[in-house]
Amino acid sequence: MSIGRRALVVCAVAVLAGCGSARNDARDDFVQQLRDEGGLTAAQAECVVSLFFSSRSDEELKAFFERPALTDAERDEFARLGERCADAS
């Protein structure tokens, strides 16, 4: 499953239901995906997801999780976030 697919449902529910804890669930699921599928450490994944989520609204996250693939801009952003978080421990 591609990054963000499992979190799609959780995030969509968060936006539609207005449930604050669902955003946290989506965040936690995305961290786990980066660890499982991306090979990041727990600290690195937490860092990347925290930075990614902090600059996005629920609507923007929903749109991100609904797309079947990363955009070029998102790939570039994740590369930059990965570099920033490489030394996270």
N, C-alpha and C. Protein backbone atom coordinates (compact mmCIF):
# COMPACT_ATOMS: atom_id res chain seq x y z
N MET A 1 0.85 -1.18 0.00
CA MET A 1 0.00 0.00 0.00
C MET A 1 0.90 1.24 0.00
N SER A 2 0.58 2.24 -0.83
CA SER A 2 1.41 3.42 -0.94
C SER A 2 1.25 4.29 0.31
N ILE A 3 2.25 5.16 0.49
CA ILE A 3 2.25 6.04 1.65
C ILE A 3 0.97 6.86 1.63
N GLY A 4 0.30 6.89 2.74
CA GLY A 4 -0.90 7.69 2.89
C GLY A 4 -2.21 6.99 2.61
N ARG A 5 -2.19 5.81 2.01
CA ARG A 5 -3.45 5.16 1.65
C ARG A 5 -4.25 4.78 2.89
N ARG A 6 -3.64 4.14 3.87
CA ARG A 6 -4.40 3.74 5.05
C ARG A 6 -4.87 4.94 5.84
N ALA A 7 -4.07 5.99 5.85
CA ALA A 7 -4.45 7.18 6.61
C ALA A 7 -5.57 7.96 5.93
N LEU A 8 -5.80 7.71 4.66
CA LEU A 8 -6.85 8.40 3.92
C LEU A 8 -8.19 8.31 4.63
N VAL A 9 -8.58 7.12 4.98
CA VAL A 9 -9.89 6.92 5.60
C VAL A 9 -9.96 7.67 6.92
N VAL A 10 -8.92 7.55 7.73
CA VAL A 10 -8.91 8.21 9.03
C VAL A 10 -8.96 9.72 8.86
N CYS A 11 -8.16 10.24 7.96
CA CYS A 11 -8.12 11.68 7.75
C CYS A 11 -9.43 12.19 7.16
N ALA A 12 -10.00 11.47 6.23
CA ALA A 12 -11.28 11.88 5.64
C ALA A 12 -12.36 11.92 6.70
N VAL A 13 -12.36 10.95 7.58
CA VAL A 13 -13.33 10.93 8.67
C VAL A 13 -13.11 12.14 9.57
N ALA A 14 -11.87 12.49 9.81
CA ALA A 14 -11.56 13.64 10.66
C ALA A 14 -12.14 14.91 10.07
N VAL A 15 -11.98 15.09 8.79
CA VAL A 15 -12.48 16.30 8.14
C VAL A 15 -14.00 16.31 8.13
N LEU A 16 -14.60 15.19 7.78
CA LEU A 16 -16.05 15.14 7.66
C LEU A 16 -16.75 15.18 9.01
N ALA A 17 -16.17 14.53 10.00
CA ALA A 17 -16.82 14.46 11.31
C ALA A 17 -16.34 15.55 12.25
N GLY A 18 -15.25 16.23 11.90
CA GLY A 18 -14.74 17.27 12.78
C GLY A 18 -14.13 16.71 14.05
N CYS A 19 -13.66 15.51 14.01
CA CYS A 19 -13.11 14.85 15.19
C CYS A 19 -11.62 15.11 15.27
N GLY A 20 -11.19 15.88 16.30
CA GLY A 20 -9.79 16.23 16.46
C GLY A 20 -8.87 15.04 16.64
N SER A 21 -9.33 14.01 17.34
CA SER A 21 -8.46 12.86 17.58
C SER A 21 -8.20 12.06 16.31
N ALA A 22 -9.06 12.17 15.31
CA ALA A 22 -8.85 11.44 14.06
C ALA A 22 -7.63 11.98 13.32
N ARG A 23 -7.38 13.29 13.42
CA ARG A 23 -6.16 13.86 12.82
C ARG A 23 -4.93 13.24 13.48
N ASN A 24 -4.98 13.08 14.79
CA ASN A 24 -3.87 12.44 15.49
C ASN A 24 -3.73 10.99 15.07
N ASP A 25 -4.84 10.30 14.87
CA ASP A 25 -4.79 8.91 14.40
C ASP A 25 -4.16 8.83 13.02
N ALA A 26 -4.54 9.76 12.14
CA ALA A 26 -3.97 9.79 10.79
C ALA A 26 -2.48 10.07 10.87
N ARG A 27 -2.10 10.97 11.75
CA ARG A 27 -0.69 11.30 11.94
C ARG A 27 0.08 10.06 12.40
N ASP A 28 -0.44 9.38 13.41
CA ASP A 28 0.22 8.18 13.93
C ASP A 28 0.34 7.10 12.86
N ASP A 29 -0.70 6.94 12.05
CA ASP A 29 -0.68 5.94 11.00
C ASP A 29 0.36 6.29 9.94
N PHE A 30 0.46 7.56 9.60
CA PHE A 30 1.44 8.01 8.61
C PHE A 30 2.86 7.79 9.13
N VAL A 31 3.09 8.06 10.41
CA VAL A 31 4.40 7.79 11.03
C VAL A 31 4.74 6.32 10.86
N GLN A 32 3.79 5.46 11.17
CA GLN A 32 4.03 4.02 11.07
C GLN A 32 4.32 3.61 9.63
N GLN A 33 3.63 4.20 8.67
CA GLN A 33 3.87 3.88 7.27
C GLN A 33 5.28 4.29 6.84
N LEU A 34 5.72 5.46 7.29
CA LEU A 34 7.08 5.89 6.95
C LEU A 34 8.12 4.96 7.55
N ARG A 35 7.82 4.42 8.71
CA ARG A 35 8.73 3.46 9.34
C ARG A 35 8.71 2.14 8.57
N ASP A 36 7.51 1.63 8.30
CA ASP A 36 7.36 0.32 7.66
C ASP A 36 7.77 0.34 6.19
N GLU A 37 7.31 1.33 5.44
CA GLU A 37 7.51 1.36 4.00
C GLU A 37 8.69 2.24 3.58
N GLY A 38 9.01 3.23 4.41
CA GLY A 38 10.08 4.16 4.05
C GLY A 38 11.40 3.86 4.72
N GLY A 39 11.38 2.96 5.70
CA GLY A 39 12.62 2.59 6.38
C GLY A 39 13.16 3.64 7.33
N LEU A 40 12.33 4.60 7.72
CA LEU A 40 12.79 5.63 8.65
C LEU A 40 12.75 5.12 10.08
N THR A 41 13.59 5.69 10.93
CA THR A 41 13.50 5.38 12.35
C THR A 41 12.25 6.05 12.90
N ALA A 42 11.86 5.67 14.10
CA ALA A 42 10.69 6.28 14.73
C ALA A 42 10.87 7.79 14.86
N ALA A 43 12.04 8.22 15.30
CA ALA A 43 12.31 9.65 15.49
C ALA A 43 12.28 10.39 14.16
N GLN A 44 12.87 9.82 13.12
CA GLN A 44 12.87 10.46 11.81
C GLN A 44 11.45 10.58 11.27
N ALA A 45 10.67 9.50 11.37
CA ALA A 45 9.30 9.52 10.87
C ALA A 45 8.46 10.54 11.63
N GLU A 46 8.61 10.59 12.94
CA GLU A 46 7.88 11.58 13.76
C GLU A 46 8.23 12.99 13.31
N CYS A 47 9.50 13.23 13.07
CA CYS A 47 9.97 14.55 12.65
C CYS A 47 9.35 14.92 11.30
N VAL A 48 9.44 14.05 10.31
CA VAL A 48 8.90 14.32 8.98
C VAL A 48 7.41 14.59 9.04
N VAL A 49 6.67 13.74 9.74
CA VAL A 49 5.22 13.89 9.79
C VAL A 49 4.83 15.14 10.56
N SER A 50 5.53 15.44 11.63
CA SER A 50 5.22 16.66 12.39
C SER A 50 5.39 17.90 11.52
N LEU A 51 6.48 17.96 10.78
CA LEU A 51 6.71 19.11 9.91
C LEU A 51 5.69 19.16 8.78
N PHE A 52 5.38 18.01 8.20
CA PHE A 52 4.42 17.96 7.09
C PHE A 52 3.02 18.35 7.55
N PHE A 53 2.57 17.80 8.67
CA PHE A 53 1.23 18.09 9.17
C PHE A 53 1.10 19.52 9.69
N SER A 54 2.17 20.07 10.25
CA SER A 54 2.08 21.38 10.91
C SER A 54 1.74 22.50 9.94
N SER A 55 2.06 22.32 8.68
CA SER A 55 1.81 23.40 7.71
C SER A 55 0.57 23.16 6.86
N ARG A 56 -0.27 22.19 7.26
CA ARG A 56 -1.44 21.86 6.45
C ARG A 56 -2.73 21.83 7.26
N SER A 57 -3.78 22.29 6.61
CA SER A 57 -5.12 22.21 7.20
C SER A 57 -5.67 20.80 7.00
N ASP A 58 -6.78 20.51 7.64
CA ASP A 58 -7.43 19.22 7.45
C ASP A 58 -7.81 19.02 5.98
N GLU A 59 -8.27 20.08 5.33
CA GLU A 59 -8.66 19.98 3.93
C GLU A 59 -7.45 19.65 3.04
N GLU A 60 -6.32 20.28 3.32
CA GLU A 60 -5.11 20.01 2.54
C GLU A 60 -4.62 18.58 2.76
N LEU A 61 -4.70 18.11 4.01
CA LEU A 61 -4.31 16.73 4.28
C LEU A 61 -5.24 15.75 3.58
N LYS A 62 -6.52 16.06 3.60
CA LYS A 62 -7.48 15.17 2.93
C LYS A 62 -7.14 15.07 1.44
N ALA A 63 -6.86 16.20 0.81
CA ALA A 63 -6.50 16.21 -0.62
C ALA A 63 -5.22 15.42 -0.85
N PHE A 64 -4.26 15.55 0.04
CA PHE A 64 -3.00 14.80 -0.08
C PHE A 64 -3.27 13.30 -0.05
N PHE A 65 -4.04 12.85 0.93
CA PHE A 65 -4.29 11.42 1.08
C PHE A 65 -5.19 10.86 -0.02
N GLU A 66 -5.96 11.71 -0.68
CA GLU A 66 -6.84 11.24 -1.75
C GLU A 66 -6.11 11.01 -3.07
N ARG A 67 -4.98 11.68 -3.26
CA ARG A 67 -4.24 11.51 -4.52
C ARG A 67 -3.57 10.14 -4.56
N PRO A 68 -3.57 9.50 -5.72
CA PRO A 68 -2.98 8.15 -5.83
C PRO A 68 -1.45 8.16 -5.78
N ALA A 69 -0.83 9.30 -6.05
CA ALA A 69 0.63 9.36 -6.06
C ALA A 69 1.07 10.75 -5.60
N LEU A 70 2.32 10.82 -5.19
CA LEU A 70 2.88 12.11 -4.79
C LEU A 70 3.07 13.01 -6.01
N THR A 71 2.87 14.29 -5.81
CA THR A 71 3.20 15.26 -6.86
C THR A 71 4.71 15.49 -6.84
N ASP A 72 5.23 16.12 -7.87
CA ASP A 72 6.66 16.46 -7.88
C ASP A 72 7.01 17.36 -6.71
N ALA A 73 6.14 18.31 -6.42
CA ALA A 73 6.38 19.22 -5.30
C ALA A 73 6.40 18.47 -3.97
N GLU A 74 5.52 17.50 -3.81
CA GLU A 74 5.50 16.70 -2.58
C GLU A 74 6.76 15.83 -2.47
N ARG A 75 7.19 15.25 -3.59
CA ARG A 75 8.43 14.47 -3.57
C ARG A 75 9.60 15.33 -3.12
N ASP A 76 9.67 16.54 -3.68
CA ASP A 76 10.74 17.47 -3.29
C ASP A 76 10.64 17.84 -1.82
N GLU A 77 9.41 18.09 -1.37
CA GLU A 77 9.22 18.46 0.04
C GLU A 77 9.65 17.31 0.96
N PHE A 78 9.25 16.09 0.63
CA PHE A 78 9.62 14.96 1.48
C PHE A 78 11.13 14.74 1.47
N ALA A 79 11.78 15.00 0.35
CA ALA A 79 13.24 14.89 0.31
C ALA A 79 13.87 15.91 1.26
N ARG A 80 13.37 17.15 1.22
CA ARG A 80 13.88 18.19 2.12
C ARG A 80 13.60 17.85 3.58
N LEU A 81 12.37 17.37 3.86
CA LEU A 81 12.03 17.01 5.24
C LEU A 81 12.91 15.85 5.71
N GLY A 82 13.15 14.88 4.84
CA GLY A 82 14.01 13.77 5.19
C GLY A 82 15.41 14.23 5.55
N GLU A 83 15.93 15.19 4.80
CA GLU A 83 17.25 15.73 5.10
C GLU A 83 17.24 16.46 6.44
N ARG A 84 16.21 17.25 6.68
CA ARG A 84 16.11 18.00 7.95
C ARG A 84 16.00 17.05 9.14
N CYS A 85 15.37 15.90 8.91
CA CYS A 85 15.10 14.98 10.02
C CYS A 85 16.08 13.82 10.09
N ALA A 86 17.08 13.81 9.24
CA ALA A 86 18.02 12.68 9.17
C ALA A 86 18.71 12.42 10.50
N ASP A 87 18.99 13.46 11.25
CA ASP A 87 19.71 13.29 12.52
C ASP A 87 18.79 13.20 13.74
N ALA A 88 17.48 13.12 13.48
CA ALA A 88 16.51 13.05 14.59
C ALA A 88 16.75 11.78 15.40
N SER A 89 16.70 11.96 16.70
CA SER A 89 16.87 10.77 17.57
C SER A 89 15.94 10.83 18.75
